[in-house]
Amino acid sequence: MVLDPISNSPLLNRLGLKDNDLTRLGQHLTMEQWVKARQSQQQRHTKAPKIDGQKYEYGEKDMEIIPGLLAKVHN
């Protein structure tokens, strides 16, 4: 399955989200590529998180899966 933005979405059109970094480059990310990148990224954090009790927090660029696509950690 290709993960391109939905072209006929009224909400995305109102928000001006008609493309993303990959589609602007003429590339199309598949679900398989996303899952492999996300799973491998979860195994290799570049920096240690900031730990406060039982909560931990990564900086914004610490969770970049592929260029232009950042992940959020919910704990």
PDB file of N, CA and C in Angstrom:
ATOM      1  N   MET A   1       0.842  -1.165   0.000  1.00  0.00           N
ATOM      2  CA  MET A   1       0.000   0.000   0.000  1.00  0.00           C
ATOM      3  C   MET A   1       0.895   1.237   0.000  1.00  0.00           C
ATOM      4  N   VAL A   2       0.599   2.179  -0.886  1.00  0.00           N
ATOM      5  CA  VAL A   2       1.365   3.424  -0.973  1.00  0.00           C
ATOM      6  C   VAL A   2       0.768   4.445  -0.004  1.00  0.00           C
ATOM      7  N   LEU A   3       1.623   5.115   0.750  1.00  0.00           N
ATOM      8  CA  LEU A   3       1.184   6.052   1.783  1.00  0.00           C
ATOM      9  C   LEU A   3       1.309   7.506   1.319  1.00  0.00           C
ATOM     10  N   ASP A   4       0.645   7.854   0.245  1.00  0.00           N
ATOM     11  CA  ASP A   4       0.615   9.235  -0.235  1.00  0.00           C
ATOM     12  C   ASP A   4      -0.555   9.963   0.434  1.00  0.00           C
ATOM     13  N   PRO A   5      -0.474  11.281   0.559  1.00  0.00           N
ATOM     14  CA  PRO A   5      -1.609  12.029   1.102  1.00  0.00           C
ATOM     15  C   PRO A   5      -2.864  11.812   0.244  1.00  0.00           C
ATOM     16  N   ILE A   6      -4.012  11.824   0.868  1.00  0.00           N
ATOM     17  CA  ILE A   6      -5.281  11.635   0.165  1.00  0.00           C
ATOM     18  C   ILE A   6      -5.565  12.889  -0.658  1.00  0.00           C
ATOM     19  N   SER A   7      -5.637  12.734  -1.968  1.00  0.00           N
ATOM     20  CA  SER A   7      -5.754  13.894  -2.856  1.00  0.00           C
ATOM     21  C   SER A   7      -7.122  14.564  -2.819  1.00  0.00           C
ATOM     22  N   ASN A   8      -8.171  13.839  -2.503  1.00  0.00           N
ATOM     23  CA  ASN A   8      -9.512  14.440  -2.526  1.00  0.00           C
ATOM     24  C   ASN A   8     -10.074  14.700  -1.128  1.00  0.00           C
ATOM     25  N   SER A   9      -9.189  14.860  -0.137  1.00  0.00           N
ATOM     26  CA  SER A   9      -9.635  15.119   1.228  1.00  0.00           C
ATOM     27  C   SER A   9      -9.907  16.613   1.424  1.00  0.00           C
ATOM     28  N   PRO A  10     -11.144  16.993   1.745  1.00  0.00           N
ATOM     29  CA  PRO A  10     -11.446  18.400   1.983  1.00  0.00           C
ATOM     30  C   PRO A  10     -10.629  18.989   3.144  1.00  0.00           C
ATOM     31  N   LEU A  11     -10.429  18.208   4.200  1.00  0.00           N
ATOM     32  CA  LEU A  11      -9.679  18.692   5.354  1.00  0.00           C
ATOM     33  C   LEU A  11      -8.221  18.952   4.987  1.00  0.00           C
ATOM     34  N   LEU A  12      -7.567  17.988   4.337  1.00  0.00           N
ATOM     35  CA  LEU A  12      -6.171  18.182   3.949  1.00  0.00           C
ATOM     36  C   LEU A  12      -6.027  19.340   2.974  1.00  0.00           C
ATOM     37  N   ASN A  13      -6.976  19.494   2.060  1.00  0.00           N
ATOM     38  CA  ASN A  13      -6.937  20.620   1.123  1.00  0.00           C
ATOM     39  C   ASN A  13      -7.083  21.953   1.855  1.00  0.00           C
ATOM     40  N   ARG A  14      -7.993  22.027   2.844  1.00  0.00           N
ATOM     41  CA  ARG A  14      -8.153  23.266   3.622  1.00  0.00           C
ATOM     42  C   ARG A  14      -6.888  23.602   4.393  1.00  0.00           C
ATOM     43  N   LEU A  15      -6.212  22.578   4.903  1.00  0.00           N
ATOM     44  CA  LEU A  15      -4.983  22.789   5.673  1.00  0.00           C
ATOM     45  C   LEU A  15      -3.768  22.997   4.780  1.00  0.00           C
ATOM     46  N   GLY A  16      -3.927  22.825   3.482  1.00  0.00           N
ATOM     47  CA  GLY A  16      -2.818  23.002   2.547  1.00  0.00           C
ATOM     48  C   GLY A  16      -1.842  21.850   2.543  1.00  0.00           C
ATOM     49  N   LEU A  17      -2.290  20.687   2.962  1.00  0.00           N
ATOM     50  CA  LEU A  17      -1.430  19.500   3.039  1.00  0.00           C
ATOM     51  C   LEU A  17      -1.693  18.595   1.837  1.00  0.00           C
ATOM     52  N   LYS A  18      -1.287  19.039   0.678  1.00  0.00           N
ATOM     53  CA  LYS A  18      -1.540  18.277  -0.539  1.00  0.00           C
ATOM     54  C   LYS A  18      -0.398  17.330  -0.884  1.00  0.00           C
ATOM     55  N   ASP A  19       0.753  17.541  -0.269  1.00  0.00           N
ATOM     56  CA  ASP A  19       1.896  16.654  -0.498  1.00  0.00           C
ATOM     57  C   ASP A  19       2.763  16.636   0.757  1.00  0.00           C
ATOM     58  N   ASN A  20       3.798  15.804   0.727  1.00  0.00           N
ATOM     59  CA  ASN A  20       4.740  15.744   1.832  1.00  0.00           C
ATOM     60  C   ASN A  20       6.161  15.781   1.262  1.00  0.00           C
ATOM     61  N   ASP A  21       7.158  15.669   2.115  1.00  0.00           N
ATOM     62  CA  ASP A  21       8.550  15.771   1.657  1.00  0.00           C
ATOM     63  C   ASP A  21       8.887  14.729   0.596  1.00  0.00           C
ATOM     64  N   LEU A  22       8.369  13.533   0.738  1.00  0.00           N
ATOM     65  CA  LEU A  22       8.695  12.469  -0.222  1.00  0.00           C
ATOM     66  C   LEU A  22       7.998  12.679  -1.562  1.00  0.00           C
ATOM     67  N   THR A  23       6.712  13.024  -1.538  1.00  0.00           N
ATOM     68  CA  THR A  23       6.007  13.210  -2.806  1.00  0.00           C
ATOM     69  C   THR A  23       6.534  14.421  -3.559  1.00  0.00           C
ATOM     70  N   ARG A  24       7.039  15.426  -2.834  1.00  0.00           N
ATOM     71  CA  ARG A  24       7.660  16.573  -3.510  1.00  0.00           C
ATOM     72  C   ARG A  24       8.921  16.150  -4.262  1.00  0.00           C
ATOM     73  N   LEU A  25       9.580  15.109  -3.775  1.00  0.00           N
ATOM     74  CA  LEU A  25      10.778  14.583  -4.430  1.00  0.00           C
ATOM     75  C   LEU A  25      10.442  13.544  -5.495  1.00  0.00           C
ATOM     76  N   GLY A  26       9.164  13.242  -5.660  1.00  0.00           N
ATOM     77  CA  GLY A  26       8.740  12.256  -6.648  1.00  0.00           C
ATOM     78  C   GLY A  26       8.860  10.821  -6.156  1.00  0.00           C
ATOM     79  N   GLN A  27       8.973  10.636  -4.842  1.00  0.00           N
ATOM     80  CA  GLN A  27       9.072   9.295  -4.266  1.00  0.00           C
ATOM     81  C   GLN A  27       7.768   8.955  -3.561  1.00  0.00           C
ATOM     82  N   HIS A  28       7.510   7.673  -3.427  1.00  0.00           N
ATOM     83  CA  HIS A  28       6.281   7.220  -2.789  1.00  0.00           C
ATOM     84  C   HIS A  28       6.637   6.151  -1.763  1.00  0.00           C
ATOM     85  N   LEU A  29       6.305   6.405  -0.518  1.00  0.00           N
ATOM     86  CA  LEU A  29       6.595   5.500   0.582  1.00  0.00           C
ATOM     87  C   LEU A  29       5.514   4.433   0.664  1.00  0.00           C
ATOM     88  N   THR A  30       5.938   3.174   0.789  1.00  0.00           N
ATOM     89  CA  THR A  30       4.965   2.090   0.953  1.00  0.00           C
ATOM     90  C   THR A  30       4.849   1.726   2.431  1.00  0.00           C
ATOM     91  N   MET A  31       3.786   1.054   2.769  1.00  0.00           N
ATOM     92  CA  MET A  31       3.576   0.608   4.146  1.00  0.00           C
ATOM     93  C   MET A  31       4.712  -0.309   4.583  1.00  0.00           C
ATOM     94  N   GLU A  32       5.160  -1.170   3.692  1.00  0.00           N
ATOM     95  CA  GLU A  32       6.258  -2.081   4.018  1.00  0.00           C
ATOM     96  C   GLU A  32       7.526  -1.299   4.360  1.00  0.00           C
ATOM     97  N   GLN A  33       7.858  -0.291   3.569  1.00  0.00           N
ATOM     98  CA  GLN A  33       9.042   0.522   3.840  1.00  0.00           C
ATOM     99  C   GLN A  33       8.910   1.266   5.167  1.00  0.00           C
ATOM    100  N   TRP A  34       7.708   1.796   5.434  1.00  0.00           N
ATOM    101  CA  TRP A  34       7.480   2.529   6.675  1.00  0.00           C
ATOM    102  C   TRP A  34       7.653   1.618   7.889  1.00  0.00           C
ATOM    103  N   VAL A  35       7.063   0.424   7.840  1.00  0.00           N
ATOM    104  CA  VAL A  35       7.153  -0.497   8.972  1.00  0.00           C
ATOM    105  C   VAL A  35       8.600  -0.910   9.216  1.00  0.00           C
ATOM    106  N   LYS A  36       9.334  -1.230   8.171  1.00  0.00           N
ATOM    107  CA  LYS A  36      10.746  -1.615   8.339  1.00  0.00           C
ATOM    108  C   LYS A  36      11.570  -0.471   8.914  1.00  0.00           C
ATOM    109  N   ALA A  37      11.377   0.737   8.408  1.00  0.00           N
ATOM    110  CA  ALA A  37      12.120   1.895   8.905  1.00  0.00           C
ATOM    111  C   ALA A  37      11.750   2.200  10.345  1.00  0.00           C
ATOM    112  N   ARG A  38      10.470   2.147  10.665  1.00  0.00           N
ATOM    113  CA  ARG A  38      10.005   2.447  12.023  1.00  0.00           C
ATOM    114  C   ARG A  38      10.507   1.422  13.019  1.00  0.00           C
ATOM    115  N   GLN A  39      10.450   0.147  12.666  1.00  0.00           N
ATOM    116  CA  GLN A  39      10.911  -0.886  13.589  1.00  0.00           C
ATOM    117  C   GLN A  39      12.416  -0.830  13.797  1.00  0.00           C
ATOM    118  N   SER A  40      13.170  -0.582  12.734  1.00  0.00           N
ATOM    119  CA  SER A  40      14.626  -0.496  12.901  1.00  0.00           C
ATOM    120  C   SER A  40      14.993   0.755  13.682  1.00  0.00           C
ATOM    121  N   GLN A  41      14.252   1.840  13.500  1.00  0.00           N
ATOM    122  CA  GLN A  41      14.515   3.078  14.213  1.00  0.00           C
ATOM    123  C   GLN A  41      14.259   2.909  15.706  1.00  0.00           C
ATOM    124  N   GLN A  42      13.263   2.140  16.074  1.00  0.00           N
ATOM    125  CA  GLN A  42      12.963   1.929  17.490  1.00  0.00           C
ATOM    126  C   GLN A  42      14.107   1.208  18.187  1.00  0.00           C
ATOM    127  N   GLN A  43      14.903   0.498  17.437  1.00  0.00           N
ATOM    128  CA  GLN A  43      16.003  -0.260  18.021  1.00  0.00           C
ATOM    129  C   GLN A  43      17.302   0.548  18.101  1.00  0.00           C
ATOM    130  N   ARG A  44      17.361   1.726  17.483  1.00  0.00           N
ATOM    131  CA  ARG A  44      18.619   2.475  17.441  1.00  0.00           C
ATOM    132  C   ARG A  44      18.411   3.965  17.712  1.00  0.00           C
ATOM    133  N   HIS A  45      18.133   4.304  18.938  1.00  0.00           N
ATOM    134  CA  HIS A  45      17.999   5.709  19.301  1.00  0.00           C
ATOM    135  C   HIS A  45      19.389   6.333  19.269  1.00  0.00           C
ATOM    136  N   THR A  46      19.490   7.551  18.761  1.00  0.00           N
ATOM    137  CA  THR A  46      20.799   8.190  18.630  1.00  0.00           C
ATOM    138  C   THR A  46      21.269   8.814  19.941  1.00  0.00           C
ATOM    139  N   LYS A  47      20.349   9.214  20.793  1.00  0.00           N
ATOM    140  CA  LYS A  47      20.699   9.826  22.072  1.00  0.00           C
ATOM    141  C   LYS A  47      19.840   9.230  23.167  1.00  0.00           C
ATOM    142  N   ALA A  48      20.352   9.281  24.383  1.00  0.00           N
ATOM    143  CA  ALA A  48      19.566   8.804  25.519  1.00  0.00           C
ATOM    144  C   ALA A  48      18.439   9.795  25.808  1.00  0.00           C
ATOM    145  N   PRO A  49      17.311   9.293  26.271  1.00  0.00           N
ATOM    146  CA  PRO A  49      16.191  10.196  26.570  1.00  0.00           C
ATOM    147  C   PRO A  49      16.418  10.944  27.882  1.00  0.00           C
ATOM    148  N   LYS A  50      15.696  12.032  28.045  1.00  0.00           N
ATOM    149  CA  LYS A  50      15.663  12.749  29.312  1.00  0.00           C
ATOM    150  C   LYS A  50      14.681  11.985  30.199  1.00  0.00           C
ATOM    151  N   ILE A  51      15.140  11.525  31.360  1.00  0.00           N
ATOM    152  CA  ILE A  51      14.307  10.691  32.224  1.00  0.00           C
ATOM    153  C   ILE A  51      13.897  11.486  33.462  1.00  0.00           C
ATOM    154  N   ASP A  52      12.601  11.460  33.761  1.00  0.00           N
ATOM    155  CA  ASP A  52      12.047  12.141  34.925  1.00  0.00           C
ATOM    156  C   ASP A  52      11.077  11.178  35.600  1.00  0.00           C
ATOM    157  N   GLY A  53      11.548  10.484  36.618  1.00  0.00           N
ATOM    158  CA  GLY A  53      10.715   9.485  37.276  1.00  0.00           C
ATOM    159  C   GLY A  53      10.454   8.324  36.339  1.00  0.00           C
ATOM    160  N   GLN A  54       9.189   8.072  36.020  1.00  0.00           N
ATOM    161  CA  GLN A  54       8.838   6.987  35.116  1.00  0.00           C
ATOM    162  C   GLN A  54       8.627   7.470  33.692  1.00  0.00           C
ATOM    163  N   LYS A  55       8.733   8.771  33.465  1.00  0.00           N
ATOM    164  CA  LYS A  55       8.545   9.310  32.125  1.00  0.00           C
ATOM    165  C   LYS A  55       9.894   9.546  31.460  1.00  0.00           C
ATOM    166  N   TYR A  56       9.919   9.392  30.152  1.00  0.00           N
ATOM    167  CA  TYR A  56      11.132   9.684  29.394  1.00  0.00           C
ATOM    168  C   TYR A  56      10.749  10.475  28.157  1.00  0.00           C
ATOM    169  N   GLU A  57      11.675  11.285  27.692  1.00  0.00           N
ATOM    170  CA  GLU A  57      11.367  12.186  26.581  1.00  0.00           C
ATOM    171  C   GLU A  57      12.579  12.282  25.657  1.00  0.00           C
ATOM    172  N   TYR A  58      12.310  12.161  24.365  1.00  0.00           N
ATOM    173  CA  TYR A  58      13.344  12.326  23.357  1.00  0.00           C
ATOM    174  C   TYR A  58      13.224  13.705  22.746  1.00  0.00           C
ATOM    175  N   GLY A  59      14.359  14.258  22.307  1.00  0.00           N
ATOM    176  CA  GLY A  59      14.339  15.523  21.592  1.00  0.00           C
ATOM    177  C   GLY A  59      13.679  15.361  20.236  1.00  0.00           C
ATOM    178  N   GLU A  60      13.329  16.473  19.605  1.00  0.00           N
ATOM    179  CA  GLU A  60      12.562  16.423  18.357  1.00  0.00           C
ATOM    180  C   GLU A  60      13.278  15.642  17.254  1.00  0.00           C
ATOM    181  N   LYS A  61      14.550  15.916  17.005  1.00  0.00           N
ATOM    182  CA  LYS A  61      15.261  15.257  15.911  1.00  0.00           C
ATOM    183  C   LYS A  61      15.795  13.881  16.296  1.00  0.00           C
ATOM    184  N   ASP A  62      15.712  13.503  17.570  1.00  0.00           N
ATOM    185  CA  ASP A  62      16.207  12.191  18.002  1.00  0.00           C
ATOM    186  C   ASP A  62      15.373  11.054  17.441  1.00  0.00           C
ATOM    187  N   MET A  63      14.159  11.327  17.049  1.00  0.00           N
ATOM    188  CA  MET A  63      13.257  10.279  16.590  1.00  0.00           C
ATOM    189  C   MET A  63      12.941  10.416  15.102  1.00  0.00           C
ATOM    190  N   GLU A  64      13.878  10.933  14.315  1.00  0.00           N
ATOM    191  CA  GLU A  64      13.655  11.046  12.880  1.00  0.00           C
ATOM    192  C   GLU A  64      13.833   9.675  12.249  1.00  0.00           C
ATOM    193  N   ILE A  65      12.766   9.150  11.671  1.00  0.00           N
ATOM    194  CA  ILE A  65      12.780   7.803  11.110  1.00  0.00           C
ATOM    195  C   ILE A  65      13.471   7.805   9.758  1.00  0.00           C
ATOM    196  N   ILE A  66      12.990   8.616   8.877  1.00  0.00           N
ATOM    197  CA  ILE A  66      13.630   8.873   7.599  1.00  0.00           C
ATOM    198  C   ILE A  66      13.580  10.386   7.411  1.00  0.00           C
ATOM    199  N   PRO A  67      14.444  10.960   6.599  1.00  0.00           N
ATOM    200  CA  PRO A  67      14.487  12.421   6.487  1.00  0.00           C
ATOM    201  C   PRO A  67      13.107  13.033   6.253  1.00  0.00           C
ATOM    202  N   GLY A  68      12.756  13.944   7.140  1.00  0.00           N
ATOM    203  CA  GLY A  68      11.476  14.642   7.022  1.00  0.00           C
ATOM    204  C   GLY A  68      10.321  13.991   7.771  1.00  0.00           C
ATOM    205  N   LEU A  69      10.502  12.784   8.271  1.00  0.00           N
ATOM    206  CA  LEU A  69       9.433  12.094   8.996  1.00  0.00           C
ATOM    207  C   LEU A  69       9.883  11.814  10.419  1.00  0.00           C
ATOM    208  N   LEU A  70       9.267  12.502  11.362  1.00  0.00           N
ATOM    209  CA  LEU A  70       9.612  12.362  12.768  1.00  0.00           C
ATOM    210  C   LEU A  70       8.563  11.519  13.478  1.00  0.00           C
ATOM    211  N   ALA A  71       8.996  10.795  14.488  1.00  0.00           N
ATOM    212  CA  ALA A  71       8.081   9.981  15.279  1.00  0.00           C
ATOM    213  C   ALA A  71       7.945  10.592  16.663  1.00  0.00           C
ATOM    214  N   LYS A  72       6.810  10.383  17.296  1.00  0.00           N
ATOM    215  CA  LYS A  72       6.596  10.828  18.661  1.00  0.00           C
ATOM    216  C   LYS A  72       6.540   9.591  19.539  1.00  0.00           C
ATOM    217  N   VAL A  73       7.092   9.717  20.738  1.00  0.00           N
ATOM    218  CA  VAL A  73       7.050   8.624  21.696  1.00  0.00           C
ATOM    219  C   VAL A  73       6.023   8.982  22.762  1.00  0.00           C
ATOM    220  N   HIS A  74       5.063   8.106  22.964  1.00  0.00           N
ATOM    221  CA  HIS A  74       4.053   8.303  23.992  1.00  0.00           C
ATOM    222  C   HIS A  74       4.331   7.296  25.099  1.00  0.00           C
ATOM    223  N   ASN A  75       4.553   7.808  26.301  1.00  0.00           N
ATOM    224  CA  ASN A  75       4.842   6.892  27.419  1.00  0.00           C
ATOM    225  C   ASN A  75       3.986   7.200  28.612  1.00  0.00           C
TER     226      ASN A  75
END
